[in-house]
Amino acid sequence: MTNPDLENQSRKDPTDPRQVLPVPEPVPPPPAGIGNRIRLGALELASRFTMAPLAGYTNLPFRLVVRTLGGLGLATTDLVNGRALLMGSRKTLDLIETCPEDRPYAVQIYGGRPPELADAARFLVERIGEGLASIDINMGCPVNKVTKGGGGSAMLCQVGGAVELVRAVVEAVAIPVTVKMRLGWDATQITAPQLAREFEQAGVAGLTIHGRTREQGFSGTVDLDGIRQVVEAVQRIPVLGNGDVRNLSEAARMLSHTGCAGIALGRGALLNPWIFHHLHLWDTTGDPGTPPTYIRRLDFMRNHFAQLVRLRDERFACLTFRKVAAWYCRMLRPGRDIQQEMVMLQSVEHLDGLCARMRPALEERDSHPWHETDVPLNLPAGPIAHW
C-alpha cells in the first residue's frame, strides 16, 4: 500500500527520486513545411531551432556540449555591453570567447547609442573574423542595469531611436544583423509589429520575438497572437518565436499558431539539452527519436563540467557549475542530500564522487526514461529576471 504523504512530498520536490512520473504526451504531428531552412541574409541554418541568449548560462562550455548532441541551428552568446567591448573589459571579452567547434556562432550586443553600437559591431568583426556568423541586437532584456542606459527593452519605447540604432549597426558590418525583442514595454505600448516592419526596411536579416512585454518579465503566459502579429508585419525576413517552449507539444503550438519560421530556446535547453536534437529530428522526419537515458544525462553533466575546467581552471568550473546544479538536479532527481552538495561543489574529485553515488540508482531507473514534460521548470519572475 502506498503512503499518500510520501507521494505528495515527492511530487512537490522535482529532485526527489521517489517522484511519480506521468505518462508522456503523444508526439504531435510535424509542422507544415517540414524541414524548412532559415536564411539570415547569406547565412543558411542547418536547423530552424536556435539557442537564445541566457545571461550566465549560454557560455562557450555549454554551447560546445549542446552542439555535440546535434540539431542546433545557431548559438548566441550572453548579451554583451557594446561600450564595455570597446573599453576592452576582461569580463566582457570572456563572454564572446569562442573556438572553431563553436559554429555557427553569433554575438548579442546591447546599448542605446547608435555610433557606439556600430563601433562595437565593427570591433567584433575585426576581432573574431570569419568565425562570427551574425550579430544580434538585444531589445528585449528587462533588467534595470540594461534598460537604464537606454538599451534592452527600453528601445521598445523609442521607435525612431531603435530604427536609427539598427540601421547604424547594419551599415557598419557586412555580416547578417538580427534583433531580439519583446512585444512592447507594457500592454499599452505594443510596438513590436511596427518595429519589425521598420527593421526589415533598415536591412535586418531576421527577428526573434519573445511573446511577453517588459512589464511582464516572465510572469503569465506567452502571447502567441502577439508573436503572430509580428510574423505578419514583415514581408521576407524570418521571425523566430521565443518563450515557454520546453517540449514537442509547445513547439508544435508555437509554430502552428504563430506561423514563425523557427524557434529560439533558452531556459528549455537548460532543463533538456537534447531538445534541439529531438525538435530537428521531428521537424525533418516526423519522429523525435528516443529520450536520452539517465546515464547519458549524467555523462552530459560531466562533459559540461570538463569543458568548464578546460576553459579556465578547477575553481572557475566549480563556481560556474553551482549556478546550473539545480537544473541538473531536476534532470537527474538525485535527492536533496546530493543536490545540497552539488550547489556547493568544491573540486573535480568531489563531482566524481557524487556521480559515483548517483550512478547505481540512475542505471536502475533507466527502464523508465525521463521525458522533457515530466519535470516542472522554475521560471524567473518579474522584470528584473535575467533571460
Protein backbone atom coordinates (compact mmCIF):
# COMPACT_ATOMS: atom_id res chain seq x y z
CA MET A 1 0.00 0.00 0.00
CA THR A 2 1.38 3.43 -0.93
CA ASN A 3 1.91 6.24 1.54
CA PRO A 4 -0.10 9.32 0.38
CA ASP A 5 2.06 11.68 2.42
CA LEU A 6 5.22 10.32 0.79
CA GLU A 7 3.71 10.59 -2.69
CA ASN A 8 2.59 14.18 -2.10
CA GLN A 9 6.02 15.13 -0.78
CA SER A 10 7.82 13.61 -3.78
CA ARG A 11 5.54 15.39 -6.26
CA LYS A 12 6.40 18.73 -4.67
CA ASP A 13 10.13 18.14 -4.94
CA PRO A 14 11.28 17.63 -8.57
CA THR A 15 14.71 16.44 -7.37
CA ASP A 16 13.24 13.61 -5.29
CA PRO A 17 13.98 10.19 -6.85
CA ARG A 18 10.66 8.89 -5.46
CA GLN A 19 8.72 11.35 -7.61
CA VAL A 20 5.90 9.71 -9.56
CA LEU A 21 6.36 10.47 -13.27
CA PRO A 22 3.33 10.87 -15.56
CA VAL A 23 2.99 9.17 -18.92
CA PRO A 24 4.49 11.49 -21.59
CA GLU A 25 2.16 13.16 -24.07
CA PRO A 26 1.76 11.65 -27.57
CA VAL A 27 4.08 13.01 -30.24
CA PRO A 28 2.29 15.78 -32.17
CA PRO A 29 2.37 15.74 -35.97
CA PRO A 30 5.29 17.66 -37.51
CA PRO A 31 4.62 21.22 -38.65
CA ALA A 32 3.72 22.22 -42.18
CA GLY A 33 6.67 22.95 -44.42
CA ILE A 34 8.60 20.05 -42.94
CA GLY A 35 12.34 20.60 -42.72
CA ASN A 36 12.21 24.22 -43.86
CA ARG A 37 15.54 26.03 -43.66
CA ILE A 38 16.07 29.54 -42.33
CA ARG A 39 18.20 32.06 -44.17
CA LEU A 40 19.65 35.09 -42.39
CA GLY A 41 20.91 37.01 -45.38
CA ALA A 42 23.58 34.80 -46.92
CA LEU A 43 23.69 32.53 -43.86
CA GLU A 44 21.62 29.34 -44.14
CA LEU A 45 21.00 27.48 -40.89
CA ALA A 46 21.04 23.69 -40.82
CA SER A 47 18.17 23.67 -38.31
CA ARG A 48 15.42 26.16 -37.52
CA PHE A 49 15.90 25.69 -33.78
CA THR A 50 18.42 28.06 -32.22
CA MET A 51 19.86 28.72 -28.77
CA ALA A 52 18.65 32.02 -27.34
CA PRO A 53 21.00 34.08 -25.15
CA LEU A 54 20.63 33.36 -21.45
CA ALA A 55 22.74 35.54 -19.16
CA GLY A 56 25.18 33.45 -17.15
CA TYR A 57 24.36 30.15 -18.86
CA THR A 58 24.88 30.14 -22.65
CA ASN A 59 28.64 30.43 -22.36
CA LEU A 60 31.20 28.60 -24.52
CA PRO A 61 31.36 25.35 -22.47
CA PHE A 62 27.58 24.91 -22.52
CA ARG A 63 27.34 25.74 -26.22
CA LEU A 64 30.03 23.19 -27.04
CA VAL A 65 28.44 20.28 -25.17
CA VAL A 66 25.00 21.03 -26.62
CA ARG A 67 26.47 21.09 -30.14
CA THR A 68 27.69 17.51 -29.69
CA LEU A 69 24.05 16.39 -29.43
CA GLY A 70 23.09 17.79 -32.85
CA GLY A 71 20.10 19.74 -34.14
CA LEU A 72 21.29 23.22 -33.14
CA GLY A 73 20.95 25.77 -35.94
CA LEU A 74 22.71 28.73 -34.30
CA ALA A 75 24.03 29.55 -30.83
CA THR A 76 24.28 33.07 -29.43
CA THR A 77 26.41 34.41 -26.58
CA ASP A 78 25.19 36.07 -23.42
CA LEU A 79 24.16 39.67 -24.02
CA VAL A 80 27.26 41.89 -24.20
CA ASN A 81 27.58 45.59 -23.42
CA GLY A 82 28.81 47.37 -26.57
CA ARG A 83 30.62 50.08 -24.61
CA ALA A 84 32.38 47.51 -22.40
CA LEU A 85 33.59 45.73 -25.55
CA LEU A 86 35.17 48.93 -26.85
CA MET A 87 36.79 49.56 -23.46
CA GLY A 88 38.38 46.10 -23.55
CA SER A 89 36.72 44.85 -20.36
CA ARG A 90 38.19 41.45 -19.50
CA LYS A 91 34.89 40.05 -18.23
CA THR A 92 33.10 41.24 -21.37
CA LEU A 93 35.71 39.75 -23.67
CA ASP A 94 35.32 36.45 -21.82
CA LEU A 95 31.63 36.45 -22.80
CA ILE A 96 32.44 36.42 -26.53
CA GLU A 97 35.03 33.66 -26.28
CA THR A 98 34.65 31.02 -28.99
CA CYS A 99 36.57 28.32 -30.88
CA PRO A 100 36.36 26.55 -34.29
CA GLU A 101 33.97 23.91 -32.87
CA ASP A 102 31.53 26.64 -31.84
CA ARG A 103 29.91 27.22 -35.24
CA PRO A 104 27.69 28.85 -36.39
CA TYR A 105 28.03 31.46 -33.68
CA ALA A 106 26.50 34.88 -33.04
CA VAL A 107 27.24 37.61 -30.50
CA GLN A 108 24.40 39.57 -28.92
CA ILE A 109 25.15 43.22 -28.13
CA TYR A 110 23.18 45.96 -26.42
CA GLY A 111 23.39 49.70 -25.92
CA GLY A 112 21.46 52.90 -26.51
CA ARG A 113 23.86 54.91 -28.70
CA PRO A 114 23.94 54.14 -32.46
CA PRO A 115 27.59 55.19 -33.15
CA GLU A 116 28.82 53.24 -30.14
CA LEU A 117 26.97 50.05 -31.04
CA ALA A 118 28.10 50.35 -34.66
CA ASP A 119 31.71 50.59 -33.44
CA ALA A 120 31.15 47.56 -31.22
CA ALA A 121 29.88 45.58 -34.22
CA ARG A 122 32.97 46.54 -36.24
CA PHE A 123 35.17 45.54 -33.30
CA LEU A 124 33.56 42.08 -33.19
CA VAL A 125 34.07 41.51 -36.92
CA GLU A 126 37.71 42.56 -36.71
CA ARG A 127 38.43 40.52 -33.58
CA ILE A 128 36.60 37.29 -34.43
CA GLY A 129 36.77 37.34 -38.22
CA GLU A 130 35.14 34.57 -40.24
CA GLY A 131 34.11 32.72 -37.07
CA LEU A 132 31.39 35.28 -36.43
CA ALA A 133 28.24 34.31 -38.37
CA SER A 134 25.99 37.18 -37.29
CA ILE A 135 25.40 39.95 -34.77
CA ASP A 136 22.22 40.12 -32.72
CA ILE A 137 20.95 43.34 -31.13
CA ASN A 138 19.17 42.94 -27.80
CA MET A 139 15.96 44.95 -27.46
CA GLY A 140 14.22 42.70 -25.01
CA CYS A 141 16.26 42.38 -21.83
CA PRO A 142 14.12 43.73 -18.96
CA VAL A 143 16.95 44.07 -16.42
CA ASN A 144 17.25 47.56 -14.93
CA LYS A 145 21.01 47.85 -15.38
CA VAL A 146 20.45 47.34 -19.13
CA THR A 147 17.35 49.49 -19.60
CA LYS A 148 18.55 52.46 -17.53
CA GLY A 149 21.21 53.16 -20.15
CA GLY A 150 18.64 53.13 -22.93
CA GLY A 151 19.42 49.57 -24.06
CA GLY A 152 17.47 46.31 -23.99
CA SER A 153 13.71 46.64 -23.80
CA ALA A 154 13.97 50.42 -23.24
CA MET A 155 14.41 50.65 -27.02
CA LEU A 156 10.83 49.43 -27.45
CA CYS A 157 9.63 52.85 -26.25
CA GLN A 158 11.61 54.79 -28.86
CA VAL A 159 10.69 53.57 -32.33
CA GLY A 160 12.69 56.26 -34.13
CA GLY A 161 15.76 55.78 -31.95
CA ALA A 162 15.57 51.99 -32.24
CA VAL A 163 15.44 52.13 -36.03
CA GLU A 164 18.37 54.58 -36.11
CA LEU A 165 20.43 52.25 -33.92
CA VAL A 166 19.63 49.17 -36.01
CA ARG A 167 20.41 50.96 -39.27
CA ALA A 168 23.79 52.10 -37.88
CA VAL A 169 24.79 48.53 -36.99
CA VAL A 170 23.54 47.08 -40.29
CA GLU A 171 25.55 49.64 -42.26
CA ALA A 172 28.65 49.08 -40.14
CA VAL A 173 29.20 45.40 -40.97
CA ALA A 174 28.83 43.05 -43.92
CA ILE A 175 27.55 40.05 -41.94
CA PRO A 176 23.85 39.49 -41.08
CA VAL A 177 22.38 41.59 -38.27
CA THR A 178 19.34 40.36 -36.32
CA VAL A 179 17.23 41.75 -33.47
CA LYS A 180 15.73 40.01 -30.43
CA MET A 181 12.88 41.90 -28.78
CA ARG A 182 9.71 41.65 -26.74
CA LEU A 183 6.17 42.59 -27.75
CA GLY A 184 6.48 46.01 -26.14
CA TRP A 185 7.13 47.84 -22.89
CA ASP A 186 3.68 47.04 -21.46
CA ALA A 187 0.17 46.19 -22.63
CA THR A 188 -0.45 49.82 -23.65
CA GLN A 189 2.72 50.03 -25.77
CA ILE A 190 2.83 47.03 -28.13
CA THR A 191 5.41 48.35 -30.59
CA ALA A 192 6.93 45.10 -31.91
CA PRO A 193 4.87 44.87 -35.16
CA GLN A 194 5.77 48.44 -36.13
CA LEU A 195 9.40 47.93 -35.19
CA ALA A 196 9.53 44.68 -37.19
CA ARG A 197 8.39 46.49 -40.35
CA GLU A 198 10.88 49.30 -39.81
CA PHE A 199 13.75 46.93 -39.01
CA GLU A 200 13.14 44.94 -42.19
CA GLN A 201 13.37 48.13 -44.23
CA ALA A 202 16.57 49.05 -42.39
CA GLY A 203 18.20 45.80 -43.56
CA VAL A 204 17.83 43.41 -40.64
CA ALA A 205 18.23 39.76 -41.69
CA GLY A 206 15.88 38.23 -39.10
CA LEU A 207 14.00 38.75 -35.85
CA THR A 208 13.40 36.81 -32.66
CA ILE A 209 10.31 37.81 -30.69
CA HIS A 210 9.65 36.88 -27.07
CA GLY A 211 5.91 36.79 -26.53
CA ARG A 212 5.75 38.94 -23.40
CA THR A 213 6.11 42.61 -22.57
CA ARG A 214 8.88 44.10 -20.48
CA GLU A 215 6.40 44.73 -17.67
CA GLN A 216 5.53 41.02 -17.53
CA GLY A 217 9.09 39.81 -17.08
CA PHE A 218 8.49 36.05 -17.11
CA SER A 219 5.10 36.10 -15.43
CA GLY A 220 1.91 34.99 -17.14
CA THR A 221 1.94 33.12 -20.43
CA VAL A 222 3.44 33.85 -23.81
CA ASP A 223 1.11 35.73 -26.17
CA LEU A 224 1.12 33.62 -29.33
CA ASP A 225 -1.26 36.03 -31.06
CA GLY A 226 1.21 38.82 -30.37
CA ILE A 227 4.03 36.82 -31.96
CA ARG A 228 1.81 36.12 -34.98
CA GLN A 229 1.22 39.85 -35.45
CA VAL A 230 4.99 40.35 -35.71
CA VAL A 231 5.27 37.47 -38.22
CA GLU A 232 2.55 39.08 -40.33
CA ALA A 233 4.16 42.52 -40.12
CA VAL A 234 7.21 41.53 -42.22
CA GLN A 235 7.40 40.51 -45.86
CA ARG A 236 10.58 38.48 -46.36
CA ILE A 237 12.75 38.06 -43.28
CA PRO A 238 12.32 35.08 -40.91
CA VAL A 239 10.80 35.60 -37.47
CA LEU A 240 11.66 33.14 -34.69
CA GLY A 241 9.27 32.66 -31.79
CA ASN A 242 10.60 32.57 -28.24
CA GLY A 243 9.16 31.83 -24.81
CA ASP A 244 7.87 28.83 -22.85
CA VAL A 245 8.86 26.13 -25.35
CA ARG A 246 10.04 23.13 -23.33
CA ASN A 247 8.76 20.15 -25.30
CA LEU A 248 7.38 18.99 -28.65
CA SER A 249 3.79 19.95 -27.91
CA GLU A 250 4.74 23.51 -27.02
CA ALA A 251 6.99 23.75 -30.09
CA ALA A 252 4.17 22.50 -32.34
CA ARG A 253 1.80 25.06 -30.83
CA MET A 254 4.32 27.88 -31.33
CA LEU A 255 4.94 27.00 -34.98
CA SER A 256 1.34 26.32 -35.99
CA HIS A 257 -0.30 29.20 -34.14
CA THR A 258 2.19 31.95 -34.96
CA GLY A 259 3.48 30.90 -38.38
CA CYS A 260 7.02 31.67 -37.19
CA ALA A 261 9.92 30.35 -39.25
CA GLY A 262 11.66 28.75 -36.29
CA ILE A 263 12.07 28.76 -32.52
CA ALA A 264 14.76 30.21 -30.25
CA LEU A 265 15.07 28.25 -26.99
CA GLY A 266 16.79 29.39 -23.81
CA ARG A 267 15.59 28.05 -20.48
CA GLY A 268 14.05 24.95 -22.04
CA ALA A 269 17.52 23.95 -23.27
CA LEU A 270 18.95 24.08 -19.75
CA LEU A 271 16.47 21.52 -18.50
CA ASN A 272 16.71 19.37 -21.62
CA PRO A 273 19.85 19.98 -23.74
CA TRP A 274 18.61 17.29 -26.17
CA ILE A 275 15.64 19.44 -27.16
CA PHE A 276 17.36 20.79 -30.31
CA HIS A 277 18.20 17.25 -31.44
CA HIS A 278 14.66 15.99 -30.89
CA LEU A 279 12.96 19.02 -32.44
CA HIS A 280 15.14 18.87 -35.56
CA LEU A 281 14.50 15.13 -35.99
CA TRP A 282 10.78 15.69 -35.53
CA ASP A 283 10.83 18.60 -37.98
CA THR A 284 12.65 16.68 -40.71
CA THR A 285 11.33 13.12 -40.22
CA GLY A 286 8.23 13.35 -38.03
CA ASP A 287 9.92 11.18 -35.39
CA PRO A 288 11.71 12.92 -32.48
CA GLY A 289 13.70 9.84 -31.58
CA THR A 290 14.23 8.21 -28.19
CA PRO A 291 14.64 10.26 -25.00
CA PRO A 292 18.16 10.03 -23.54
CA THR A 293 18.71 7.72 -20.60
CA TYR A 294 19.59 8.99 -17.16
CA ILE A 295 23.14 7.76 -17.65
CA ARG A 296 23.51 9.79 -20.85
CA ARG A 297 22.28 12.83 -18.93
CA LEU A 298 24.78 12.15 -16.18
CA ASP A 299 27.57 11.89 -18.77
CA PHE A 300 26.41 15.16 -20.36
CA MET A 301 26.69 16.90 -16.99
CA ARG A 302 30.22 15.57 -16.52
CA ASN A 303 31.21 16.69 -20.03
CA HIS A 304 29.83 20.16 -19.29
CA PHE A 305 31.93 20.37 -16.14
CA ALA A 306 35.02 19.11 -18.02
CA GLN A 307 34.57 21.91 -20.59
CA LEU A 308 34.37 24.47 -17.77
CA VAL A 309 37.66 23.15 -16.33
CA ARG A 310 39.26 23.21 -19.78
CA LEU A 311 38.18 26.81 -20.36
CA ARG A 312 39.73 28.18 -17.16
CA ASP A 313 40.56 26.06 -14.12
CA GLU A 314 39.00 23.92 -11.41
CA ARG A 315 37.92 26.84 -9.19
CA PHE A 316 36.21 28.64 -12.09
CA ALA A 317 34.49 25.40 -13.10
CA CYS A 318 33.12 24.75 -9.61
CA LEU A 319 31.84 28.30 -9.13
CA THR A 320 30.17 28.34 -12.55
CA PHE A 321 28.73 24.85 -12.17
CA ARG A 322 26.99 25.78 -8.91
CA LYS A 323 24.72 28.10 -10.93
CA VAL A 324 23.42 25.22 -13.06
CA ALA A 325 23.48 22.49 -10.40
CA ALA A 326 19.79 22.95 -9.60
CA TRP A 327 18.88 22.42 -13.27
CA TYR A 328 20.86 19.18 -13.36
CA CYS A 329 19.15 18.00 -10.18
CA ARG A 330 15.80 18.48 -11.92
CA MET A 331 17.09 16.34 -14.79
CA LEU A 332 18.59 13.58 -12.64
CA ARG A 333 16.49 13.68 -9.43
CA PRO A 334 19.34 12.52 -7.14
CA GLY A 335 17.65 13.58 -3.89
CA ARG A 336 18.16 16.52 -1.54
CA ASP A 337 21.42 15.34 0.03
CA ILE A 338 23.30 15.18 -3.27
CA GLN A 339 21.68 18.40 -4.51
CA GLN A 340 22.95 20.27 -1.45
CA GLU A 341 26.48 19.06 -2.22
CA MET A 342 26.23 19.90 -5.93
CA VAL A 343 25.31 23.54 -5.28
CA MET A 344 28.45 23.79 -3.13
CA LEU A 345 30.74 21.81 -5.43
CA GLN A 346 34.40 22.01 -4.37
CA SER A 347 36.52 20.08 -6.88
CA VAL A 348 36.74 17.62 -9.78
CA GLU A 349 37.16 14.84 -7.23
CA HIS A 350 34.01 15.99 -5.43
CA LEU A 351 31.92 15.77 -8.60
CA ASP A 352 33.39 12.37 -9.47
CA GLY A 353 32.32 11.11 -6.05
CA LEU A 354 28.80 12.47 -6.41
CA CYS A 355 28.45 10.90 -9.87
CA ALA A 356 29.61 7.55 -8.49
CA ARG A 357 26.94 7.78 -5.78
CA MET A 358 24.23 8.60 -8.31
CA ARG A 359 25.11 6.07 -10.99
CA PRO A 360 23.65 2.84 -9.49
CA ALA A 361 20.22 4.40 -8.89
CA LEU A 362 20.24 6.00 -12.35
CA GLU A 363 21.11 2.71 -14.03
CA GLU A 364 18.21 1.04 -12.24
CA ARG A 365 15.85 3.89 -13.16
CA ASP A 366 16.77 3.78 -16.86
CA SER A 367 13.98 1.30 -17.55
CA HIS A 368 11.67 4.35 -17.27
CA PRO A 369 13.37 7.14 -19.30
CA TRP A 370 12.94 10.77 -18.34
CA HIS A 371 10.86 12.92 -20.68
CA GLU A 372 11.06 16.66 -21.11
CA THR A 373 7.45 17.17 -19.98
CA ASP A 374 7.85 15.29 -16.71
CA VAL A 375 9.68 17.77 -14.51
CA PRO A 376 8.34 21.25 -13.63
CA LEU A 377 10.56 24.13 -14.71
CA ASN A 378 11.02 27.05 -12.34
CA LEU A 379 10.99 30.26 -14.36
CA PRO A 380 12.46 33.63 -13.34
CA ALA A 381 9.75 36.09 -12.33
CA GLY A 382 9.40 39.83 -12.68
CA PRO A 383 11.05 42.47 -14.82
CA ILE A 384 14.49 42.14 -13.22
CA ALA A 385 14.93 38.49 -14.19
CA HIS A 386 17.89 37.58 -16.38
CA TRP A 387 16.94 35.86 -19.65
